[in-house]
């Protein structure tokens, strides 16, 4: 089981996630914003308000939307920390 330790908005509907195993990954959530609870997240400004909930070890939004950390790990792709440095 994976745990999200840190998360931040990256671009479009992508988030940068740091996991308990030390990996940093990018998850594109655009294809996964289906259903009533995720509808508000289609507003990019609202999407950007994501945060890590320490009680559940995953990302959440104020409307109660969240995603399983294992699901986030599966759909995300690894990135090298140095790739963000120019």
PDB file of N, CA and C in Angstrom:
ATOM      1  N   UNK A   1       0.843  -1.188   0.000  1.00  0.00           N
ATOM      2  CA  UNK A   1       0.000   0.000   0.000  1.00  0.00           C
ATOM      3  C   UNK A   1       0.882   1.243   0.000  1.00  0.00           C
ATOM      4  N   UNK A   2       0.506   2.189  -0.833  1.00  0.00           N
ATOM      5  CA  UNK A   2       1.282   3.425  -0.949  1.00  0.00           C
ATOM      6  C   UNK A   2       0.651   4.551  -0.141  1.00  0.00           C
ATOM      7  N   UNK A   3       1.482   5.562   0.150  1.00  0.00           N
ATOM      8  CA  UNK A   3       1.040   6.730   0.899  1.00  0.00           C
ATOM      9  C   UNK A   3       1.580   7.981   0.223  1.00  0.00           C
ATOM     10  N   UNK A   4       0.725   8.967   0.025  1.00  0.00           N
ATOM     11  CA  UNK A   4       1.153  10.244  -0.535  1.00  0.00           C
ATOM     12  C   UNK A   4       1.706  11.088   0.614  1.00  0.00           C
ATOM     13  N   UNK A   5       2.936  11.522   0.463  1.00  0.00           N
ATOM     14  CA  UNK A   5       3.577  12.343   1.490  1.00  0.00           C
ATOM     15  C   UNK A   5       3.508  13.836   1.158  1.00  0.00           C
ATOM     16  N   UNK A   6       3.503  14.162  -0.134  1.00  0.00           N
ATOM     17  CA  UNK A   6       3.449  15.559  -0.553  1.00  0.00           C
ATOM     18  C   UNK A   6       2.802  15.601  -1.926  1.00  0.00           C
ATOM     19  N   UNK A   7       2.123  16.697  -2.202  1.00  0.00           N
ATOM     20  CA  UNK A   7       1.467  16.852  -3.497  1.00  0.00           C
ATOM     21  C   UNK A   7       1.417  18.321  -3.864  1.00  0.00           C
ATOM     22  N   UNK A   8       1.524  18.584  -5.149  1.00  0.00           N
ATOM     23  CA  UNK A   8       1.398  19.953  -5.632  1.00  0.00           C
ATOM     24  C   UNK A   8       0.854  19.932  -7.054  1.00  0.00           C
ATOM     25  N   UNK A   9       0.231  21.030  -7.413  1.00  0.00           N
ATOM     26  CA  UNK A   9      -0.273  21.195  -8.770  1.00  0.00           C
ATOM     27  C   UNK A   9       0.913  21.259  -9.718  1.00  0.00           C
ATOM     28  N   UNK A  10       0.817  20.606 -10.875  1.00  0.00           N
ATOM     29  CA  UNK A  10       1.892  20.629 -11.857  1.00  0.00           C
ATOM     30  C   UNK A  10       1.480  21.448 -13.080  1.00  0.00           C
ATOM     31  N   UNK A  11       0.505  20.959 -13.839  1.00  0.00           N
ATOM     32  CA  UNK A  11       0.010  21.659 -15.022  1.00  0.00           C
ATOM     33  C   UNK A  11      -1.280  20.988 -15.462  1.00  0.00           C
ATOM     34  N   UNK A  12      -2.093  21.707 -16.222  1.00  0.00           N
ATOM     35  CA  UNK A  12      -3.372  21.175 -16.676  1.00  0.00           C
ATOM     36  C   UNK A  12      -4.067  20.478 -15.506  1.00  0.00           C
ATOM     37  N   UNK A  13      -4.360  19.209 -15.623  1.00  0.00           N
ATOM     38  CA  UNK A  13      -4.965  18.464 -14.515  1.00  0.00           C
ATOM     39  C   UNK A  13      -3.973  17.423 -13.990  1.00  0.00           C
ATOM     40  N   UNK A  14      -2.721  17.821 -13.972  1.00  0.00           N
ATOM     41  CA  UNK A  14      -1.651  16.946 -13.499  1.00  0.00           C
ATOM     42  C   UNK A  14      -1.167  17.398 -12.130  1.00  0.00           C
ATOM     43  N   UNK A  15      -0.838  16.419 -11.302  1.00  0.00           N
ATOM     44  CA  UNK A  15      -0.308  16.695  -9.977  1.00  0.00           C
ATOM     45  C   UNK A  15       1.025  15.981  -9.799  1.00  0.00           C
ATOM     46  N   UNK A  16       1.920  16.625  -9.060  1.00  0.00           N
ATOM     47  CA  UNK A  16       3.211  16.036  -8.703  1.00  0.00           C
ATOM     48  C   UNK A  16       3.042  15.429  -7.319  1.00  0.00           C
ATOM     49  N   UNK A  17       3.343  14.151  -7.198  1.00  0.00           N
ATOM     50  CA  UNK A  17       3.129  13.418  -5.955  1.00  0.00           C
ATOM     51  C   UNK A  17       4.431  12.816  -5.455  1.00  0.00           C
ATOM     52  N   UNK A  18       4.658  12.961  -4.156  1.00  0.00           N
ATOM     53  CA  UNK A  18       5.774  12.285  -3.500  1.00  0.00           C
ATOM     54  C   UNK A  18       5.195  11.173  -2.653  1.00  0.00           C
ATOM     55  N   UNK A  19       5.752   9.972  -2.821  1.00  0.00           N
ATOM     56  CA  UNK A  19       5.249   8.807  -2.104  1.00  0.00           C
ATOM     57  C   UNK A  19       6.206   8.370  -1.001  1.00  0.00           C
ATOM     58  N   UNK A  20       5.718   7.478  -0.151  1.00  0.00           N
ATOM     59  CA  UNK A  20       6.472   6.993   1.004  1.00  0.00           C
ATOM     60  C   UNK A  20       7.755   6.267   0.610  1.00  0.00           C
ATOM     61  N   UNK A  21       7.818   5.761  -0.615  1.00  0.00           N
ATOM     62  CA  UNK A  21       9.016   5.039  -1.047  1.00  0.00           C
ATOM     63  C   UNK A  21      10.082   5.978  -1.607  1.00  0.00           C
ATOM     64  N   UNK A  22       9.825   7.292  -1.525  1.00  0.00           N
ATOM     65  CA  UNK A  22      10.782   8.289  -2.002  1.00  0.00           C
ATOM     66  C   UNK A  22      10.601   8.667  -3.456  1.00  0.00           C
ATOM     67  N   UNK A  23       9.704   7.983  -4.160  1.00  0.00           N
ATOM     68  CA  UNK A  23       9.499   8.295  -5.574  1.00  0.00           C
ATOM     69  C   UNK A  23       8.673   9.570  -5.735  1.00  0.00           C
ATOM     70  N   UNK A  24       8.955  10.274  -6.811  1.00  0.00           N
ATOM     71  CA  UNK A  24       8.186  11.456  -7.208  1.00  0.00           C
ATOM     72  C   UNK A  24       7.577  11.119  -8.552  1.00  0.00           C
ATOM     73  N   UNK A  25       6.269  11.299  -8.643  1.00  0.00           N
ATOM     74  CA  UNK A  25       5.544  10.868  -9.833  1.00  0.00           C
ATOM     75  C   UNK A  25       4.556  11.945 -10.255  1.00  0.00           C
ATOM     76  N   UNK A  26       4.226  11.968 -11.539  1.00  0.00           N
ATOM     77  CA  UNK A  26       3.222  12.883 -12.087  1.00  0.00           C
ATOM     78  C   UNK A  26       2.000  12.065 -12.475  1.00  0.00           C
ATOM     79  N   UNK A  27       0.846  12.486 -11.985  1.00  0.00           N
ATOM     80  CA  UNK A  27      -0.410  11.819 -12.328  1.00  0.00           C
ATOM     81  C   UNK A  27      -1.291  12.783 -13.107  1.00  0.00           C
ATOM     82  N   UNK A  28      -1.744  12.350 -14.268  1.00  0.00           N
ATOM     83  CA  UNK A  28      -2.696  13.121 -15.067  1.00  0.00           C
ATOM     84  C   UNK A  28      -4.089  12.656 -14.660  1.00  0.00           C
ATOM     85  N   UNK A  29      -4.816  13.509 -13.956  1.00  0.00           N
ATOM     86  CA  UNK A  29      -6.123  13.128 -13.437  1.00  0.00           C
ATOM     87  C   UNK A  29      -7.273  13.465 -14.367  1.00  0.00           C
ATOM     88  N   UNK A  30      -7.007  14.155 -15.473  1.00  0.00           N
ATOM     89  CA  UNK A  30      -8.070  14.568 -16.400  1.00  0.00           C
ATOM     90  C   UNK A  30      -8.998  13.419 -16.801  1.00  0.00           C
ATOM     91  N   UNK A  31      -8.471  12.247 -17.163  1.00  0.00           N
ATOM     92  CA  UNK A  31      -9.371  11.169 -17.589  1.00  0.00           C
ATOM     93  C   UNK A  31     -10.143  10.523 -16.435  1.00  0.00           C
ATOM     94  N   UNK A  32      -9.860  10.938 -15.216  1.00  0.00           N
ATOM     95  CA  UNK A  32     -10.441  10.279 -14.046  1.00  0.00           C
ATOM     96  C   UNK A  32     -11.395  11.171 -13.259  1.00  0.00           C
ATOM     97  N   UNK A  33     -11.808  12.277 -13.843  1.00  0.00           N
ATOM     98  CA  UNK A  33     -12.689  13.214 -13.144  1.00  0.00           C
ATOM     99  C   UNK A  33     -14.148  12.959 -13.509  1.00  0.00           C
ATOM    100  N   UNK A  34     -14.578  11.716 -13.376  1.00  0.00           N
ATOM    101  CA  UNK A  34     -15.954  11.326 -13.677  1.00  0.00           C
ATOM    102  C   UNK A  34     -16.747  11.197 -12.390  1.00  0.00           C
ATOM    103  N   UNK A  35     -18.017  11.484 -12.471  1.00  0.00           N
ATOM    104  CA  UNK A  35     -18.899  11.324 -11.321  1.00  0.00           C
ATOM    105  C   UNK A  35     -19.151  12.640 -10.611  1.00  0.00           C
ATOM    106  N   UNK A  36     -20.222  12.681  -9.875  1.00  0.00           N
ATOM    107  CA  UNK A  36     -20.682  13.905  -9.218  1.00  0.00           C
ATOM    108  C   UNK A  36     -19.635  14.529  -8.297  1.00  0.00           C
ATOM    109  N   UNK A  37     -18.938  13.719  -7.519  1.00  0.00           N
ATOM    110  CA  UNK A  37     -17.971  14.252  -6.552  1.00  0.00           C
ATOM    111  C   UNK A  37     -16.777  14.905  -7.243  1.00  0.00           C
ATOM    112  N   UNK A  38     -16.443  14.438  -8.455  1.00  0.00           N
ATOM    113  CA  UNK A  38     -15.291  14.974  -9.174  1.00  0.00           C
ATOM    114  C   UNK A  38     -15.644  16.111 -10.130  1.00  0.00           C
ATOM    115  N   UNK A  39     -16.927  16.349 -10.368  1.00  0.00           N
ATOM    116  CA  UNK A  39     -17.357  17.397 -11.297  1.00  0.00           C
ATOM    117  C   UNK A  39     -16.750  18.772 -10.962  1.00  0.00           C
ATOM    118  N   UNK A  40     -16.756  19.213  -9.696  1.00  0.00           N
ATOM    119  CA  UNK A  40     -16.164  20.521  -9.381  1.00  0.00           C
ATOM    120  C   UNK A  40     -14.676  20.608  -9.713  1.00  0.00           C
ATOM    121  N   UNK A  41     -13.984  19.471  -9.755  1.00  0.00           N
ATOM    122  CA  UNK A  41     -12.552  19.466 -10.030  1.00  0.00           C
ATOM    123  C   UNK A  41     -12.239  19.793 -11.484  1.00  0.00           C
ATOM    124  N   UNK A  42     -13.250  19.786 -12.347  1.00  0.00           N
ATOM    125  CA  UNK A  42     -13.052  20.156 -13.747  1.00  0.00           C
ATOM    126  C   UNK A  42     -12.823  21.657 -13.897  1.00  0.00           C
ATOM    127  N   UNK A  43     -13.098  22.408 -12.837  1.00  0.00           N
ATOM    128  CA  UNK A  43     -12.741  23.831 -12.777  1.00  0.00           C
ATOM    129  C   UNK A  43     -11.280  23.868 -12.327  1.00  0.00           C
ATOM    130  N   UNK A  44     -10.393  24.283 -13.214  1.00  0.00           N
ATOM    131  CA  UNK A  44      -8.959  24.211 -12.947  1.00  0.00           C
ATOM    132  C   UNK A  44      -8.552  24.964 -11.682  1.00  0.00           C
ATOM    133  N   UNK A  45      -9.171  26.107 -11.427  1.00  0.00           N
ATOM    134  CA  UNK A  45      -8.817  26.854 -10.213  1.00  0.00           C
ATOM    135  C   UNK A  45      -9.179  26.059  -8.956  1.00  0.00           C
ATOM    136  N   UNK A  46     -10.297  25.370  -8.988  1.00  0.00           N
ATOM    137  CA  UNK A  46     -10.677  24.526  -7.850  1.00  0.00           C
ATOM    138  C   UNK A  46      -9.760  23.307  -7.762  1.00  0.00           C
ATOM    139  N   UNK A  47      -9.434  22.728  -8.902  1.00  0.00           N
ATOM    140  CA  UNK A  47      -8.539  21.578  -8.943  1.00  0.00           C
ATOM    141  C   UNK A  47      -7.222  21.883  -8.233  1.00  0.00           C
ATOM    142  N   UNK A  48      -6.729  23.098  -8.441  1.00  0.00           N
ATOM    143  CA  UNK A  48      -5.443  23.510  -7.870  1.00  0.00           C
ATOM    144  C   UNK A  48      -5.454  23.578  -6.343  1.00  0.00           C
ATOM    145  N   UNK A  49      -6.629  23.495  -5.720  1.00  0.00           N
ATOM    146  CA  UNK A  49      -6.707  23.604  -4.257  1.00  0.00           C
ATOM    147  C   UNK A  49      -6.437  22.270  -3.551  1.00  0.00           C
ATOM    148  N   UNK A  50      -5.971  21.268  -4.277  1.00  0.00           N
ATOM    149  CA  UNK A  50      -5.697  19.973  -3.671  1.00  0.00           C
ATOM    150  C   UNK A  50      -4.720  20.099  -2.510  1.00  0.00           C
ATOM    151  N   UNK A  51      -4.818  19.172  -1.580  1.00  0.00           N
ATOM    152  CA  UNK A  51      -3.898  19.118  -0.454  1.00  0.00           C
ATOM    153  C   UNK A  51      -3.774  17.660  -0.007  1.00  0.00           C
ATOM    154  N   UNK A  52      -2.757  17.367   0.765  1.00  0.00           N
ATOM    155  CA  UNK A  52      -2.591  16.027   1.322  1.00  0.00           C
ATOM    156  C   UNK A  52      -3.321  15.972   2.656  1.00  0.00           C
ATOM    157  N   UNK A  53      -4.138  14.964   2.828  1.00  0.00           N
ATOM    158  CA  UNK A  53      -4.843  14.729   4.094  1.00  0.00           C
ATOM    159  C   UNK A  53      -4.031  13.697   4.881  1.00  0.00           C
ATOM    160  N   UNK A  54      -3.418  14.108   5.991  1.00  0.00           N
ATOM    161  CA  UNK A  54      -2.562  13.185   6.738  1.00  0.00           C
ATOM    162  C   UNK A  54      -3.305  11.977   7.321  1.00  0.00           C
ATOM    163  N   UNK A  55      -4.587  12.118   7.594  1.00  0.00           N
ATOM    164  CA  UNK A  55      -5.346  10.994   8.162  1.00  0.00           C
ATOM    165  C   UNK A  55      -5.567   9.870   7.160  1.00  0.00           C
ATOM    166  N   UNK A  56      -5.603  10.214   5.861  1.00  0.00           N
ATOM    167  CA  UNK A  56      -5.840   9.202   4.831  1.00  0.00           C
ATOM    168  C   UNK A  56      -4.639   9.003   3.910  1.00  0.00           C
ATOM    169  N   UNK A  57      -3.599   9.831   4.063  1.00  0.00           N
ATOM    170  CA  UNK A  57      -2.366   9.721   3.266  1.00  0.00           C
ATOM    171  C   UNK A  57      -2.607   9.802   1.772  1.00  0.00           C
ATOM    172  N   UNK A  58      -3.524  10.700   1.380  1.00  0.00           N
ATOM    173  CA  UNK A  58      -3.773  10.898  -0.046  1.00  0.00           C
ATOM    174  C   UNK A  58      -4.202  12.342  -0.286  1.00  0.00           C
ATOM    175  N   UNK A  59      -4.435  12.669  -1.558  1.00  0.00           N
ATOM    176  CA  UNK A  59      -4.866  14.023  -1.887  1.00  0.00           C
ATOM    177  C   UNK A  59      -6.386  14.145  -1.730  1.00  0.00           C
ATOM    178  N   UNK A  60      -6.806  15.325  -1.319  1.00  0.00           N
ATOM    179  CA  UNK A  60      -8.227  15.604  -1.122  1.00  0.00           C
ATOM    180  C   UNK A  60      -8.524  17.030  -1.574  1.00  0.00           C
ATOM    181  N   UNK A  61      -9.812  17.287  -1.742  1.00  0.00           N
ATOM    182  CA  UNK A  61     -10.308  18.628  -2.028  1.00  0.00           C
ATOM    183  C   UNK A  61     -11.388  18.937  -1.004  1.00  0.00           C
ATOM    184  N   UNK A  62     -11.744  20.208  -0.870  1.00  0.00           N
ATOM    185  CA  UNK A  62     -12.699  20.635   0.156  1.00  0.00           C
ATOM    186  C   UNK A  62     -14.087  20.025   0.004  1.00  0.00           C
ATOM    187  N   UNK A  63     -14.448  19.594  -1.205  1.00  0.00           N
ATOM    188  CA  UNK A  63     -15.782  19.012  -1.396  1.00  0.00           C
ATOM    189  C   UNK A  63     -15.839  17.537  -0.982  1.00  0.00           C
ATOM    190  N   UNK A  64     -14.737  16.999  -0.484  1.00  0.00           N
ATOM    191  CA  UNK A  64     -14.707  15.610  -0.052  1.00  0.00           C
ATOM    192  C   UNK A  64     -14.142  14.649  -1.082  1.00  0.00           C
ATOM    193  N   UNK A  65     -13.828  15.136  -2.271  1.00  0.00           N
ATOM    194  CA  UNK A  65     -13.245  14.275  -3.303  1.00  0.00           C
ATOM    195  C   UNK A  65     -11.846  13.846  -2.874  1.00  0.00           C
ATOM    196  N   UNK A  66     -11.540  12.592  -3.133  1.00  0.00           N
ATOM    197  CA  UNK A  66     -10.197  12.077  -2.899  1.00  0.00           C
ATOM    198  C   UNK A  66      -9.960  10.906  -3.839  1.00  0.00           C
ATOM    199  N   UNK A  67      -8.725  10.457  -3.883  1.00  0.00           N
ATOM    200  CA  UNK A  67      -8.376   9.312  -4.725  1.00  0.00           C
ATOM    201  C   UNK A  67      -7.449   8.411  -3.939  1.00  0.00           C
ATOM    202  N   UNK A  68      -7.617   7.120  -4.133  1.00  0.00           N
ATOM    203  CA  UNK A  68      -6.782   6.139  -3.454  1.00  0.00           C
ATOM    204  C   UNK A  68      -5.308   6.367  -3.786  1.00  0.00           C
ATOM    205  N   UNK A  69      -4.442   6.347  -2.769  1.00  0.00           N
ATOM    206  CA  UNK A  69      -3.018   6.514  -3.060  1.00  0.00           C
ATOM    207  C   UNK A  69      -2.470   5.400  -3.951  1.00  0.00           C
ATOM    208  N   UNK A  70      -2.993   4.192  -3.818  1.00  0.00           N
ATOM    209  CA  UNK A  70      -2.546   3.103  -4.695  1.00  0.00           C
ATOM    210  C   UNK A  70      -2.950   3.370  -6.148  1.00  0.00           C
ATOM    211  N   UNK A  71      -4.167   3.886  -6.341  1.00  0.00           N
ATOM    212  CA  UNK A  71      -4.629   4.250  -7.678  1.00  0.00           C
ATOM    213  C   UNK A  71      -3.734   5.347  -8.260  1.00  0.00           C
ATOM    214  N   UNK A  72      -3.431   6.360  -7.459  1.00  0.00           N
ATOM    215  CA  UNK A  72      -2.572   7.452  -7.916  1.00  0.00           C
ATOM    216  C   UNK A  72      -1.198   6.937  -8.323  1.00  0.00           C
ATOM    217  N   UNK A  73      -0.671   6.011  -7.558  1.00  0.00           N
ATOM    218  CA  UNK A  73       0.637   5.433  -7.866  1.00  0.00           C
ATOM    219  C   UNK A  73       0.574   4.683  -9.194  1.00  0.00           C
ATOM    220  N   UNK A  74      -0.484   3.905  -9.391  1.00  0.00           N
ATOM    221  CA  UNK A  74      -0.624   3.102 -10.609  1.00  0.00           C
ATOM    222  C   UNK A  74      -0.739   3.945 -11.872  1.00  0.00           C
ATOM    223  N   UNK A  75      -1.471   5.062 -11.797  1.00  0.00           N
ATOM    224  CA  UNK A  75      -1.705   5.862 -13.013  1.00  0.00           C
ATOM    225  C   UNK A  75      -0.611   6.902 -13.250  1.00  0.00           C
ATOM    226  N   UNK A  76       0.267   7.078 -12.311  1.00  0.00           N
ATOM    227  CA  UNK A  76       1.289   8.122 -12.431  1.00  0.00           C
ATOM    228  C   UNK A  76       2.559   7.580 -13.067  1.00  0.00           C
ATOM    229  N   UNK A  77       3.363   8.515 -13.548  1.00  0.00           N
ATOM    230  CA  UNK A  77       4.646   8.156 -14.154  1.00  0.00           C
ATOM    231  C   UNK A  77       5.762   8.785 -13.338  1.00  0.00           C
ATOM    232  N   UNK A  78       6.865   8.062 -13.181  1.00  0.00           N
ATOM    233  CA  UNK A  78       7.979   8.600 -12.386  1.00  0.00           C
ATOM    234  C   UNK A  78       8.654   9.765 -13.086  1.00  0.00           C
ATOM    235  N   UNK A  79       9.134  10.678 -12.286  1.00  0.00           N
ATOM    236  CA  UNK A  79       9.931  11.806 -12.803  1.00  0.00           C
ATOM    237  C   UNK A  79      11.187  11.916 -11.954  1.00  0.00           C
ATOM    238  N   UNK A  80      12.229  12.424 -12.559  1.00  0.00           N
ATOM    239  CA  UNK A  80      13.461  12.662 -11.815  1.00  0.00           C
ATOM    240  C   UNK A  80      13.387  14.050 -11.199  1.00  0.00           C
ATOM    241  N   UNK A  81      13.768  14.168  -9.947  1.00  0.00           N
ATOM    242  CA  UNK A  81      13.736  15.464  -9.258  1.00  0.00           C
ATOM    243  C   UNK A  81      14.527  16.503 -10.038  1.00  0.00           C
ATOM    244  N   UNK A  82      15.643  16.098 -10.618  1.00  0.00           N
ATOM    245  CA  UNK A  82      16.500  17.044 -11.317  1.00  0.00           C
ATOM    246  C   UNK A  82      15.887  17.537 -12.622  1.00  0.00           C
ATOM    247  N   UNK A  83      14.818  16.874 -13.096  1.00  0.00           N
ATOM    248  CA  UNK A  83      14.217  17.289 -14.373  1.00  0.00           C
ATOM    249  C   UNK A  83      13.544  18.645 -14.266  1.00  0.00           C
ATOM    250  N   UNK A  84      13.218  19.093 -13.043  1.00  0.00           N
ATOM    251  CA  UNK A  84      12.570  20.391 -12.894  1.00  0.00           C
ATOM    252  C   UNK A  84      13.597  21.507 -12.824  1.00  0.00           C
ATOM    253  N   UNK A  85      14.870  21.178 -12.649  1.00  0.00           N
ATOM    254  CA  UNK A  85      15.912  22.191 -12.577  1.00  0.00           C
ATOM    255  C   UNK A  85      16.431  22.474 -13.973  1.00  0.00           C
ATOM    256  N   UNK A  86      16.668  23.755 -14.227  1.00  0.00           N
ATOM    257  CA  UNK A  86      17.166  24.121 -15.565  1.00  0.00           C
ATOM    258  C   UNK A  86      18.638  24.388 -15.525  1.00  0.00           C
TER     259      UNK A  86
END
